[in-house]
Each structure stands twice: as structure tokens, then as C-alpha cells.
């Protein structure tokens, strides 16, 4: 049986602004989404019938509870020439961390099936399929830098973000995205990210302006529900971070540092039992271009 392995990149939000609640129950958002060089490994193997999924993280779900499984179901539904799939997930992205790990895995399944079965799907068709699985999944197909609007599904590619080094710090607890959004009505948003200035900063490679413009309004809700997270932010600021902010709905905090050496030193200082602490960087265009070449236009050898 043929098989293929690919990287499922995590994502962060450089800005995240919630503009209001929609009639369909979702929220209108405006955010700059950014891929980072932290990824799960997703391996797909063709088989005679059915879908099986195995994962090296206990309790994550190996059935329809897992977004990667549902992505496989969707591809089988639309393309009957696909008889069956075996999916193996090697998890490196922390779970329930606001880093889009589930969305990244689902996107990787869509890309991998497209290549494995030589479907020749366009980027637009891939994104159309991905949207059925969640608002973040279309971005996770080719995660470099993009402006996301609507409920997150309307993507506009923008100039790639300059290289930024950061430390991801995830405490031992997670949060439910639904709970965070529902609690927004109970908090006062004192300052919103300046998305327009952040876009200009990215275009002009003005990193100081970018840090000043970044922000995530969901922090007000999440910190109100989990005050320990605000105390952790205060701790991380003392370690010399240029910017500390929350990723997505939480609970991962992003420490933006001057360079890789500073990031690794800060990671050592904030490592404690029960925390996930990861040094990474923002994705560069070549990271995503390699993914496009390998999984849309044809196979290449693994790097």
C-alpha cells in the first residue's frame, strides 16, 4: 500500500479582534494568522476499506471525535475512488493549547489524500473542503501569514511576517473555546489590537511597531476565568520578553524574544513541572512553499 507523511504546522494569532456575534452563532473576527515551525507528523496509508486512526497521545480520540478522522471521512465522501485510509498521528503540538493542532492535522489529511490519490485539487477546492471542518482549517493548509475575517474563513494572503523567535508556554490546564467566547459579554475590553498598524508593520518589517500593535481581546475573557494565567504573563514579562500574549482562546502564552539564543535562555528559566515550554519561530515562505510543492504539485524527498 502507498503511504505519505507530512508536517501539520501549528498556528498563532498575531492579532485577534472579536467584532460581534453573528446570527449563525459564530463570532465575526479580524485577525492576523501566522504559521509557526512546530508541527505534528501525519502519515496516511491507502487501504481497502474504512478509516483507522492511531495516535501517540492517549485519550486524544481515534474516531469521529478527532478532526483528522472527520477530514478523512469528508474526503471519502466526496471522492469515491478512495476506498480506505490508515492515519497515524505523531503529536508534537500541545493539545487544547490555542495552537490549532487539530485543525493542522485535518488540513494535513486533506493535503495528503490529494497527493496520495493524485486528485489534482486546486488550492480553492482544498480550502472549500477544509472549511467544512472548521474556521482555522483552510489557513492550516498553507500556514504562512494571512489576514482572516468573517468567522475566520475569509483569508487574504499578505506579505510574510519577518522572522520572529518565540517561546510557547502552556500551563497544565486547558480552556474550552466556547466558554471563553461566551464569557466575552461579561468583561470589558479595554484595548483592542491595531490590525491596520500591524499589517503596515509586517509590510515595512518594523518589528517594534508590530509588537506595539499586536493583541488578543480573548485575553480579557480567559484571564477573568483563569487568573493564574494573568499571573503567568507577569512572570514571563520579567524574563525579558519583547511581547507576551495569549494564543487563540488559550491557554498557551507566546513570549516573543529578540533572537534564538534569548528564546532558549528564557525557555530554561520558565520551565517547570506540568508546563509545556517550546522554542520555535514563525514560518518562512520557503517552509510553506516546500509543503505546496511536495503535496500539491508532486512528491519530493523528505528534508
C-alpha atoms as a PDB file:
ATOM      1  CA  UNK A   1       0.000   0.000   0.000  1.00  0.00           C
ATOM      2  CA  UNK A   2       1.159   3.531  -0.741  1.00  0.00           C
ATOM      3  CA  UNK A   3       1.792   5.937   2.105  1.00  0.00           C
ATOM      4  CA  UNK A   4       2.783   9.553   2.595  1.00  0.00           C
ATOM      5  CA  UNK A   5       3.926  11.613   5.613  1.00  0.00           C
ATOM      6  CA  UNK A   6       3.682  15.345   6.007  1.00  0.00           C
ATOM      7  CA  UNK A   7       4.043  18.143   8.520  1.00  0.00           C
ATOM      8  CA  UNK A   8       0.962  19.664  10.137  1.00  0.00           C
ATOM      9  CA  UNK A   9       2.076  23.140  11.233  1.00  0.00           C
ATOM     10  CA  UNK A  10       0.653  24.897  14.298  1.00  0.00           C
ATOM     11  CA  UNK A  11      -0.666  28.449  14.083  1.00  0.00           C
ATOM     12  CA  UNK A  12      -0.761  31.503  16.308  1.00  0.00           C
ATOM     13  CA  UNK A  13      -2.591  34.813  16.086  1.00  0.00           C
ATOM     14  CA  UNK A  14      -0.524  37.989  15.919  1.00  0.00           C
ATOM     15  CA  UNK A  15      -3.760  39.948  16.327  1.00  0.00           C
ATOM     16  CA  UNK A  16      -7.212  38.683  17.315  1.00  0.00           C
ATOM     17  CA  UNK A  17     -10.158  41.045  17.483  1.00  0.00           C
ATOM     18  CA  UNK A  18     -13.762  39.934  18.029  1.00  0.00           C
ATOM     19  CA  UNK A  19     -16.178  42.317  16.311  1.00  0.00           C
ATOM     20  CA  UNK A  20     -19.509  40.849  17.392  1.00  0.00           C
ATOM     21  CA  UNK A  21     -21.753  37.797  17.410  1.00  0.00           C
ATOM     22  CA  UNK A  22     -23.364  36.603  14.187  1.00  0.00           C
ATOM     23  CA  UNK A  23     -26.870  35.298  13.571  1.00  0.00           C
ATOM     24  CA  UNK A  24     -25.430  31.805  12.977  1.00  0.00           C
ATOM     25  CA  UNK A  25     -23.966  31.707  16.499  1.00  0.00           C
ATOM     26  CA  UNK A  26     -20.357  32.294  15.418  1.00  0.00           C
ATOM     27  CA  UNK A  27     -18.432  35.499  16.090  1.00  0.00           C
ATOM     28  CA  UNK A  28     -17.125  37.909  13.483  1.00  0.00           C
ATOM     29  CA  UNK A  29     -13.383  38.220  13.923  1.00  0.00           C
ATOM     30  CA  UNK A  30     -10.488  40.073  12.360  1.00  0.00           C
ATOM     31  CA  UNK A  31      -7.073  38.592  12.956  1.00  0.00           C
ATOM     32  CA  UNK A  32      -3.621  38.124  11.514  1.00  0.00           C
ATOM     33  CA  UNK A  33      -2.862  34.421  11.496  1.00  0.00           C
ATOM     34  CA  UNK A  34       0.689  33.111  11.446  1.00  0.00           C
ATOM     35  CA  UNK A  35       2.109  29.628  10.986  1.00  0.00           C
ATOM     36  CA  UNK A  36       4.940  28.530  13.271  1.00  0.00           C
ATOM     37  CA  UNK A  37       7.637  25.915  12.855  1.00  0.00           C
ATOM     38  CA  UNK A  38       6.081  23.463  15.294  1.00  0.00           C
ATOM     39  CA  UNK A  39       4.302  20.540  13.723  1.00  0.00           C
ATOM     40  CA  UNK A  40       2.702  17.145  14.123  1.00  0.00           C
ATOM     41  CA  UNK A  41       3.645  14.366  11.701  1.00  0.00           C
ATOM     42  CA  UNK A  42       0.659  12.906   9.851  1.00  0.00           C
ATOM     43  CA  UNK A  43       1.127   9.653   7.940  1.00  0.00           C
ATOM     44  CA  UNK A  44      -1.525   8.360   5.548  1.00  0.00           C
ATOM     45  CA  UNK A  45      -1.668   4.897   4.027  1.00  0.00           C
ATOM     46  CA  UNK A  46      -4.202   3.703   1.492  1.00  0.00           C
ATOM     47  CA  UNK A  47      -6.139   0.566   2.369  1.00  0.00           C
ATOM     48  CA  UNK A  48      -9.023  -1.486   1.015  1.00  0.00           C
ATOM     49  CA  UNK A  49     -11.837  -0.019   3.090  1.00  0.00           C
ATOM     50  CA  UNK A  50     -12.744   2.068   6.132  1.00  0.00           C
ATOM     51  CA  UNK A  51     -10.789   4.560   8.220  1.00  0.00           C
ATOM     52  CA  UNK A  52      -8.475   3.759  11.105  1.00  0.00           C
ATOM     53  CA  UNK A  53      -6.609   6.335  13.155  1.00  0.00           C
ATOM     54  CA  UNK A  54      -3.850   5.800  15.692  1.00  0.00           C
ATOM     55  CA  UNK A  55      -2.228   8.483  17.813  1.00  0.00           C
ATOM     56  CA  UNK A  56       0.706   8.511  20.220  1.00  0.00           C
ATOM     57  CA  UNK A  57      -1.234  10.677  22.726  1.00  0.00           C
ATOM     58  CA  UNK A  58      -3.538   8.642  24.953  1.00  0.00           C
ATOM     59  CA  UNK A  59      -7.121   9.829  25.156  1.00  0.00           C
ATOM     60  CA  UNK A  60      -6.980  12.207  22.193  1.00  0.00           C
ATOM     61  CA  UNK A  61      -9.582  10.216  20.269  1.00  0.00           C
ATOM     62  CA  UNK A  62      -9.178   7.765  17.426  1.00  0.00           C
ATOM     63  CA  UNK A  63     -12.675   8.078  15.939  1.00  0.00           C
ATOM     64  CA  UNK A  64     -15.038  10.879  14.842  1.00  0.00           C
ATOM     65  CA  UNK A  65     -14.063  12.873  17.926  1.00  0.00           C
ATOM     66  CA  UNK A  66     -10.766  13.539  16.138  1.00  0.00           C
ATOM     67  CA  UNK A  67     -10.820  16.208  13.429  1.00  0.00           C
ATOM     68  CA  UNK A  68      -8.294  14.273  11.323  1.00  0.00           C
ATOM     69  CA  UNK A  69     -10.695  11.313  11.242  1.00  0.00           C
ATOM     70  CA  UNK A  70     -13.546  13.575  10.128  1.00  0.00           C
ATOM     71  CA  UNK A  71     -11.310  15.046   7.417  1.00  0.00           C
ATOM     72  CA  UNK A  72     -10.734  11.525   6.082  1.00  0.00           C
ATOM     73  CA  UNK A  73     -14.494  10.834   6.164  1.00  0.00           C
ATOM     74  CA  UNK A  74     -15.116  14.001   4.166  1.00  0.00           C
ATOM     75  CA  UNK A  75     -12.563  13.062   1.501  1.00  0.00           C
ATOM     76  CA  UNK A  76     -14.033   9.555   1.160  1.00  0.00           C
ATOM     77  CA  UNK A  77     -17.497  11.060   0.825  1.00  0.00           C
ATOM     78  CA  UNK A  78     -16.505  13.415  -1.987  1.00  0.00           C
ATOM     79  CA  UNK A  79     -14.111  11.099  -3.832  1.00  0.00           C
ATOM     80  CA  UNK A  80     -15.411   7.512  -4.063  1.00  0.00           C
ATOM     81  CA  UNK A  81     -12.168   6.302  -5.664  1.00  0.00           C
ATOM     82  CA  UNK A  82     -10.708   6.489  -2.149  1.00  0.00           C
ATOM     83  CA  UNK A  83     -11.595   3.154  -0.569  1.00  0.00           C
ATOM     84  CA  UNK A  84      -9.919   3.484   2.805  1.00  0.00           C
ATOM     85  CA  UNK A  85      -7.249   5.238   4.859  1.00  0.00           C
ATOM     86  CA  UNK A  86      -4.974   4.457   7.772  1.00  0.00           C
ATOM     87  CA  UNK A  87      -3.951   7.613   9.645  1.00  0.00           C
ATOM     88  CA  UNK A  88      -1.098   7.838  12.131  1.00  0.00           C
ATOM     89  CA  UNK A  89      -0.612  10.994  14.198  1.00  0.00           C
ATOM     90  CA  UNK A  90       2.671  11.815  15.920  1.00  0.00           C
ATOM     91  CA  UNK A  91       1.728  14.713  18.177  1.00  0.00           C
ATOM     92  CA  UNK A  92       4.215  17.490  18.892  1.00  0.00           C
ATOM     93  CA  UNK A  93       1.721  20.369  19.141  1.00  0.00           C
ATOM     94  CA  UNK A  94       0.303  20.572  22.686  1.00  0.00           C
ATOM     95  CA  UNK A  95      -3.378  19.639  22.910  1.00  0.00           C
ATOM     96  CA  UNK A  96      -6.081  22.212  23.814  1.00  0.00           C
ATOM     97  CA  UNK A  97      -3.485  24.962  23.636  1.00  0.00           C
ATOM     98  CA  UNK A  98      -4.927  27.512  21.199  1.00  0.00           C
ATOM     99  CA  UNK A  99      -2.341  26.460  18.594  1.00  0.00           C
ATOM    100  CA  UNK A 100      -4.690  24.809  16.102  1.00  0.00           C
ATOM    101  CA  UNK A 101      -3.248  21.311  16.410  1.00  0.00           C
ATOM    102  CA  UNK A 102      -6.500  19.575  15.489  1.00  0.00           C
ATOM    103  CA  UNK A 103      -7.069  21.912  12.551  1.00  0.00           C
ATOM    104  CA  UNK A 104      -3.486  21.367  11.373  1.00  0.00           C
ATOM    105  CA  UNK A 105      -3.916  17.589  11.446  1.00  0.00           C
ATOM    106  CA  UNK A 106      -7.175  17.825   9.491  1.00  0.00           C
ATOM    107  CA  UNK A 107      -5.526  20.080   6.893  1.00  0.00           C
ATOM    108  CA  UNK A 108      -2.658  17.610   6.549  1.00  0.00           C
ATOM    109  CA  UNK A 109      -5.119  14.763   5.897  1.00  0.00           C
ATOM    110  CA  UNK A 110      -6.760  16.784   3.105  1.00  0.00           C
ATOM    111  CA  UNK A 111      -3.403  17.643   1.533  1.00  0.00           C
ATOM    112  CA  UNK A 112      -2.089  14.111   1.914  1.00  0.00           C
ATOM    113  CA  UNK A 113      -5.153  12.463   0.366  1.00  0.00           C
ATOM    114  CA  UNK A 114      -4.962  14.898  -2.536  1.00  0.00           C
ATOM    115  CA  UNK A 115      -1.391  13.761  -3.195  1.00  0.00           C
ATOM    116  CA  UNK A 116      -1.796  10.075  -2.343  1.00  0.00           C
ATOM    117  CA  UNK A 117      -4.651   9.644  -4.801  1.00  0.00           C
ATOM    118  CA  UNK A 118      -3.395  12.188  -7.354  1.00  0.00           C
ATOM    119  CA  UNK A 119      -6.658  14.141  -7.196  1.00  0.00           C
ATOM    120  CA  UNK A 120      -5.107  17.346  -8.545  1.00  0.00           C
ATOM    121  CA  UNK A 121      -7.320  19.611  -6.443  1.00  0.00           C
ATOM    122  CA  UNK A 122      -6.811  23.360  -6.692  1.00  0.00           C
ATOM    123  CA  UNK A 123      -5.969  25.495  -3.672  1.00  0.00           C
ATOM    124  CA  UNK A 124      -9.508  26.907  -3.807  1.00  0.00           C
ATOM    125  CA  UNK A 125     -11.078  23.446  -3.756  1.00  0.00           C
ATOM    126  CA  UNK A 126      -8.821  22.324  -0.908  1.00  0.00           C
ATOM    127  CA  UNK A 127      -9.875  25.366   1.112  1.00  0.00           C
ATOM    128  CA  UNK A 128     -13.550  24.753   0.312  1.00  0.00           C
ATOM    129  CA  UNK A 129     -13.313  21.211   1.687  1.00  0.00           C
ATOM    130  CA  UNK A 130     -11.316  22.389   4.706  1.00  0.00           C
ATOM    131  CA  UNK A 131     -13.934  24.959   5.683  1.00  0.00           C
ATOM    132  CA  UNK A 132     -16.466  22.182   6.350  1.00  0.00           C
ATOM    133  CA  UNK A 133     -14.237  21.084   9.251  1.00  0.00           C
ATOM    134  CA  UNK A 134     -13.651  24.404  10.996  1.00  0.00           C
ATOM    135  CA  UNK A 135     -12.730  28.044  10.515  1.00  0.00           C
ATOM    136  CA  UNK A 136      -8.986  27.517  11.097  1.00  0.00           C
ATOM    137  CA  UNK A 137      -8.558  24.521   8.782  1.00  0.00           C
ATOM    138  CA  UNK A 138      -8.307  26.466   5.476  1.00  0.00           C
ATOM    139  CA  UNK A 139      -5.436  28.564   6.859  1.00  0.00           C
ATOM    140  CA  UNK A 140      -3.663  25.461   8.149  1.00  0.00           C
ATOM    141  CA  UNK A 141      -3.362  24.063   4.623  1.00  0.00           C
ATOM    142  CA  UNK A 142      -0.535  26.520   3.821  1.00  0.00           C
ATOM    143  CA  UNK A 143       0.184  28.391   7.052  1.00  0.00           C
ATOM    144  CA  UNK A 144       2.460  31.367   6.479  1.00  0.00           C
ATOM    145  CA  UNK A 145       0.833  34.783   7.110  1.00  0.00           C
ATOM    146  CA  UNK A 146      -2.749  35.817   6.326  1.00  0.00           C
ATOM    147  CA  UNK A 147      -5.495  38.234   7.326  1.00  0.00           C
ATOM    148  CA  UNK A 148      -8.591  36.292   8.425  1.00  0.00           C
ATOM    149  CA  UNK A 149     -12.053  37.837   8.572  1.00  0.00           C
ATOM    150  CA  UNK A 150     -15.667  36.700   8.862  1.00  0.00           C
ATOM    151  CA  UNK A 151     -15.654  33.776  11.268  1.00  0.00           C
ATOM    152  CA  UNK A 152     -12.020  33.250  10.279  1.00  0.00           C
ATOM    153  CA  UNK A 153     -12.669  31.624   6.923  1.00  0.00           C
ATOM    154  CA  UNK A 154     -12.152  34.666   4.656  1.00  0.00           C
ATOM    155  CA  UNK A 155      -8.405  34.623   4.063  1.00  0.00           C
ATOM    156  CA  UNK A 156      -6.264  37.256   2.384  1.00  0.00           C
ATOM    157  CA  UNK A 157      -2.614  36.389   1.845  1.00  0.00           C
ATOM    158  CA  UNK A 158      -0.350  39.218   2.981  1.00  0.00           C
ATOM    159  CA  UNK A 159       3.376  39.919   2.971  1.00  0.00           C
ATOM    160  CA  UNK A 160       5.051  37.200   5.065  1.00  0.00           C
ATOM    161  CA  UNK A 161       5.841  38.170   8.634  1.00  0.00           C
ATOM    162  CA  UNK A 162       9.506  38.845   9.427  1.00  0.00           C
ATOM    163  CA  UNK A 163      11.287  36.037  11.237  1.00  0.00           C
ATOM    164  CA  UNK A 164      10.316  36.098  14.922  1.00  0.00           C
ATOM    165  CA  UNK A 165      11.623  33.809  17.654  1.00  0.00           C
ATOM    166  CA  UNK A 166       9.248  32.892  20.425  1.00  0.00           C
ATOM    167  CA  UNK A 167       8.741  30.621  23.396  1.00  0.00           C
ATOM    168  CA  UNK A 168       5.428  28.828  23.812  1.00  0.00           C
ATOM    169  CA  UNK A 169       4.457  28.356  27.453  1.00  0.00           C
ATOM    170  CA  UNK A 170       1.414  26.181  28.135  1.00  0.00           C
ATOM    171  CA  UNK A 171       0.396  25.590  31.755  1.00  0.00           C
ATOM    172  CA  UNK A 172      -1.003  22.266  32.913  1.00  0.00           C
ATOM    173  CA  UNK A 173      -4.645  23.253  32.364  1.00  0.00           C
ATOM    174  CA  UNK A 174      -6.628  23.967  29.212  1.00  0.00           C
ATOM    175  CA  UNK A 175      -9.715  26.036  28.443  1.00  0.00           C
ATOM    176  CA  UNK A 176     -12.826  25.476  26.354  1.00  0.00           C
ATOM    177  CA  UNK A 177     -13.071  27.887  23.412  1.00  0.00           C
ATOM    178  CA  UNK A 178     -16.871  28.030  23.713  1.00  0.00           C
ATOM    179  CA  UNK A 179     -16.605  29.060  27.371  1.00  0.00           C
ATOM    180  CA  UNK A 180     -14.151  31.838  26.546  1.00  0.00           C
ATOM    181  CA  UNK A 181     -16.332  33.305  23.793  1.00  0.00           C
ATOM    182  CA  UNK A 182     -19.475  33.086  25.936  1.00  0.00           C
ATOM    183  CA  UNK A 183     -17.716  34.946  28.768  1.00  0.00           C
ATOM    184  CA  UNK A 184     -16.796  37.876  26.488  1.00  0.00           C
ATOM    185  CA  UNK A 185     -20.143  39.527  27.288  1.00  0.00           C
ATOM    186  CA  UNK A 186     -19.149  39.652  30.947  1.00  0.00           C
ATOM    187  CA  UNK A 187     -15.863  41.527  30.532  1.00  0.00           C
ATOM    188  CA  UNK A 188     -14.782  44.987  29.414  1.00  0.00           C
ATOM    189  CA  UNK A 189     -12.316  45.102  26.529  1.00  0.00           C
ATOM    190  CA  UNK A 190     -10.014  47.973  27.416  1.00  0.00           C
ATOM    191  CA  UNK A 191      -7.691  47.815  24.416  1.00  0.00           C
ATOM    192  CA  UNK A 192      -8.007  46.184  21.015  1.00  0.00           C
ATOM    193  CA  UNK A 193      -5.188  45.187  18.674  1.00  0.00           C
ATOM    194  CA  UNK A 194      -4.398  47.682  15.927  1.00  0.00           C
ATOM    195  CA  UNK A 195      -4.659  45.325  12.981  1.00  0.00           C
ATOM    196  CA  UNK A 196      -4.102  48.052  10.391  1.00  0.00           C
ATOM    197  CA  UNK A 197      -0.861  49.158  12.062  1.00  0.00           C
ATOM    198  CA  UNK A 198       0.237  45.524  12.430  1.00  0.00           C
ATOM    199  CA  UNK A 199      -0.276  44.941   8.704  1.00  0.00           C
ATOM    200  CA  UNK A 200       1.828  48.035   7.961  1.00  0.00           C
ATOM    201  CA  UNK A 201       4.498  46.862  10.394  1.00  0.00           C
ATOM    202  CA  UNK A 202       4.724  43.489   8.655  1.00  0.00           C
ATOM    203  CA  UNK A 203       4.954  45.129   5.238  1.00  0.00           C
ATOM    204  CA  UNK A 204       7.658  47.523   6.418  1.00  0.00           C
ATOM    205  CA  UNK A 205       9.476  44.928   8.580  1.00  0.00           C
ATOM    206  CA  UNK A 206       9.025  47.212  11.574  1.00  0.00           C
ATOM    207  CA  UNK A 207       9.151  44.691  14.397  1.00  0.00           C
ATOM    208  CA  UNK A 208       8.842  47.243  17.198  1.00  0.00           C
ATOM    209  CA  UNK A 209       5.657  48.638  15.659  1.00  0.00           C
ATOM    210  CA  UNK A 210       4.391  45.094  15.207  1.00  0.00           C
ATOM    211  CA  UNK A 211       4.841  44.290  18.901  1.00  0.00           C
ATOM    212  CA  UNK A 212       3.036  47.518  19.851  1.00  0.00           C
ATOM    213  CA  UNK A 213       0.136  46.710  17.525  1.00  0.00           C
ATOM    214  CA  UNK A 214      -0.379  43.062  18.444  1.00  0.00           C
ATOM    215  CA  UNK A 215      -3.035  41.902  20.875  1.00  0.00           C
ATOM    216  CA  UNK A 216      -5.780  39.364  21.579  1.00  0.00           C
ATOM    217  CA  UNK A 217      -9.123  40.500  23.014  1.00  0.00           C
ATOM    218  CA  UNK A 218      -9.916  36.971  24.197  1.00  0.00           C
ATOM    219  CA  UNK A 219      -7.331  37.511  26.935  1.00  0.00           C
ATOM    220  CA  UNK A 220      -9.872  39.605  28.848  1.00  0.00           C
ATOM    221  CA  UNK A 221     -12.288  36.690  28.960  1.00  0.00           C
ATOM    222  CA  UNK A 222      -9.769  33.907  29.546  1.00  0.00           C
ATOM    223  CA  UNK A 223      -7.842  35.784  32.260  1.00  0.00           C
ATOM    224  CA  UNK A 224     -11.105  36.551  34.075  1.00  0.00           C
ATOM    225  CA  UNK A 225     -11.939  32.845  34.091  1.00  0.00           C
ATOM    226  CA  UNK A 226      -8.373  31.729  34.904  1.00  0.00           C
ATOM    227  CA  UNK A 227      -6.497  34.394  36.937  1.00  0.00           C
ATOM    228  CA  UNK A 228      -3.437  32.129  37.192  1.00  0.00           C
ATOM    229  CA  UNK A 229      -2.849  32.814  33.508  1.00  0.00           C
ATOM    230  CA  UNK A 230      -2.516  36.552  34.119  1.00  0.00           C
ATOM    231  CA  UNK A 231      -0.028  35.844  36.902  1.00  0.00           C
ATOM    232  CA  UNK A 232       1.975  33.702  34.476  1.00  0.00           C
ATOM    233  CA  UNK A 233       2.046  36.600  31.982  1.00  0.00           C
ATOM    234  CA  UNK A 234       3.520  38.850  34.678  1.00  0.00           C
ATOM    235  CA  UNK A 235       6.176  36.209  35.401  1.00  0.00           C
ATOM    236  CA  UNK A 236       7.162  35.882  31.745  1.00  0.00           C
ATOM    237  CA  UNK A 237       7.455  39.642  31.203  1.00  0.00           C
ATOM    238  CA  UNK A 238      10.191  39.724  33.854  1.00  0.00           C
ATOM    239  CA  UNK A 239      12.257  37.301  31.712  1.00  0.00           C
ATOM    240  CA  UNK A 240      12.858  39.955  29.069  1.00  0.00           C
ATOM    241  CA  UNK A 241      10.154  39.159  26.518  1.00  0.00           C
ATOM    242  CA  UNK A 242       9.541  41.830  23.881  1.00  0.00           C
ATOM    243  CA  UNK A 243       5.852  40.898  23.951  1.00  0.00           C
ATOM    244  CA  UNK A 244       3.757  38.356  25.851  1.00  0.00           C
ATOM    245  CA  UNK A 245       0.274  37.467  24.642  1.00  0.00           C
ATOM    246  CA  UNK A 246      -2.147  34.577  24.561  1.00  0.00           C
ATOM    247  CA  UNK A 247      -2.604  32.364  21.515  1.00  0.00           C
ATOM    248  CA  UNK A 248      -6.184  31.885  20.336  1.00  0.00           C
ATOM    249  CA  UNK A 249      -8.558  31.294  23.243  1.00  0.00           C
ATOM    250  CA  UNK A 250      -5.676  29.989  25.388  1.00  0.00           C
ATOM    251  CA  UNK A 251      -4.055  28.729  27.391  1.00  0.00           C
ATOM    252  CA  UNK A 252      -0.699  28.896  25.621  1.00  0.00           C
ATOM    253  CA  UNK A 253       1.221  32.135  26.135  1.00  0.00           C
ATOM    254  CA  UNK A 254       3.576  33.476  23.484  1.00  0.00           C
ATOM    255  CA  UNK A 255       6.875  35.059  24.567  1.00  0.00           C
ATOM    256  CA  UNK A 256       8.404  36.975  21.669  1.00  0.00           C
ATOM    257  CA  UNK A 257      12.164  37.262  22.069  1.00  0.00           C
ATOM    258  CA  UNK A 258      14.982  39.131  20.303  1.00  0.00           C
ATOM    259  CA  UNK A 259      16.649  36.050  18.847  1.00  0.00           C
ATOM    260  CA  UNK A 260      17.023  32.286  19.171  1.00  0.00           C
ATOM    261  CA  UNK A 261      19.633  32.466  21.954  1.00  0.00           C
ATOM    262  CA  UNK A 262      17.412  34.698  24.085  1.00  0.00           C
ATOM    263  CA  UNK A 263      14.460  32.424  23.419  1.00  0.00           C
ATOM    264  CA  UNK A 264      16.348  29.333  24.564  1.00  0.00           C
ATOM    265  CA  UNK A 265      17.608  31.088  27.690  1.00  0.00           C
ATOM    266  CA  UNK A 266      14.091  32.251  28.580  1.00  0.00           C
ATOM    267  CA  UNK A 267      12.733  28.746  27.997  1.00  0.00           C
ATOM    268  CA  UNK A 268      15.164  27.343  30.553  1.00  0.00           C
ATOM    269  CA  UNK A 269      14.086  29.946  33.095  1.00  0.00           C
ATOM    270  CA  UNK A 270      10.354  29.311  32.783  1.00  0.00           C
ATOM    271  CA  UNK A 271      10.436  25.507  32.546  1.00  0.00           C
ATOM    272  CA  UNK A 272       8.536  23.919  35.440  1.00  0.00           C
ATOM    273  CA  UNK A 273       6.813  20.630  36.085  1.00  0.00           C
ATOM    274  CA  UNK A 274       3.477  20.451  34.306  1.00  0.00           C
ATOM    275  CA  UNK A 275       4.280  23.130  31.731  1.00  0.00           C
ATOM    276  CA  UNK A 276       4.920  22.618  28.043  1.00  0.00           C
ATOM    277  CA  UNK A 277       7.729  25.006  27.046  1.00  0.00           C
ATOM    278  CA  UNK A 278       8.742  25.064  23.383  1.00  0.00           C
ATOM    279  CA  UNK A 279      11.150  27.281  21.449  1.00  0.00           C
ATOM    280  CA  UNK A 280      10.081  27.913  17.876  1.00  0.00           C
ATOM    281  CA  UNK A 281       9.955  30.563  15.157  1.00  0.00           C
ATOM    282  CA  UNK A 282       7.465  31.934  12.687  1.00  0.00           C
ATOM    283  CA  UNK A 283       7.151  30.057   9.404  1.00  0.00           C
ATOM    284  CA  UNK A 284       9.048  31.425   6.439  1.00  0.00           C
ATOM    285  CA  UNK A 285       7.648  31.350   2.893  1.00  0.00           C
ATOM    286  CA  UNK A 286      10.021  28.540   1.968  1.00  0.00           C
ATOM    287  CA  UNK A 287       8.558  26.325   4.709  1.00  0.00           C
ATOM    288  CA  UNK A 288       5.113  26.589   3.145  1.00  0.00           C
ATOM    289  CA  UNK A 289       6.357  26.576  -0.452  1.00  0.00           C
ATOM    290  CA  UNK A 290       8.009  23.225   0.245  1.00  0.00           C
ATOM    291  CA  UNK A 291       4.665  21.934   1.515  1.00  0.00           C
ATOM    292  CA  UNK A 292       2.938  23.234  -1.632  1.00  0.00           C
ATOM    293  CA  UNK A 293       5.483  21.664  -3.955  1.00  0.00           C
ATOM    294  CA  UNK A 294       5.501  18.360  -2.152  1.00  0.00           C
ATOM    295  CA  UNK A 295       1.815  17.876  -1.586  1.00  0.00           C
ATOM    296  CA  UNK A 296       0.123  19.780  -4.381  1.00  0.00           C
ATOM    297  CA  UNK A 297       2.486  19.616  -7.316  1.00  0.00           C
ATOM    298  CA  UNK A 298       4.201  16.332  -6.558  1.00  0.00           C
ATOM    299  CA  UNK A 299       6.401  14.439  -4.145  1.00  0.00           C
ATOM    300  CA  UNK A 300       9.859  15.457  -3.129  1.00  0.00           C
ATOM    301  CA  UNK A 301      12.250  13.692  -0.823  1.00  0.00           C
ATOM    302  CA  UNK A 302      11.867  14.480   2.865  1.00  0.00           C
ATOM    303  CA  UNK A 303      14.174  17.205   4.145  1.00  0.00           C
END
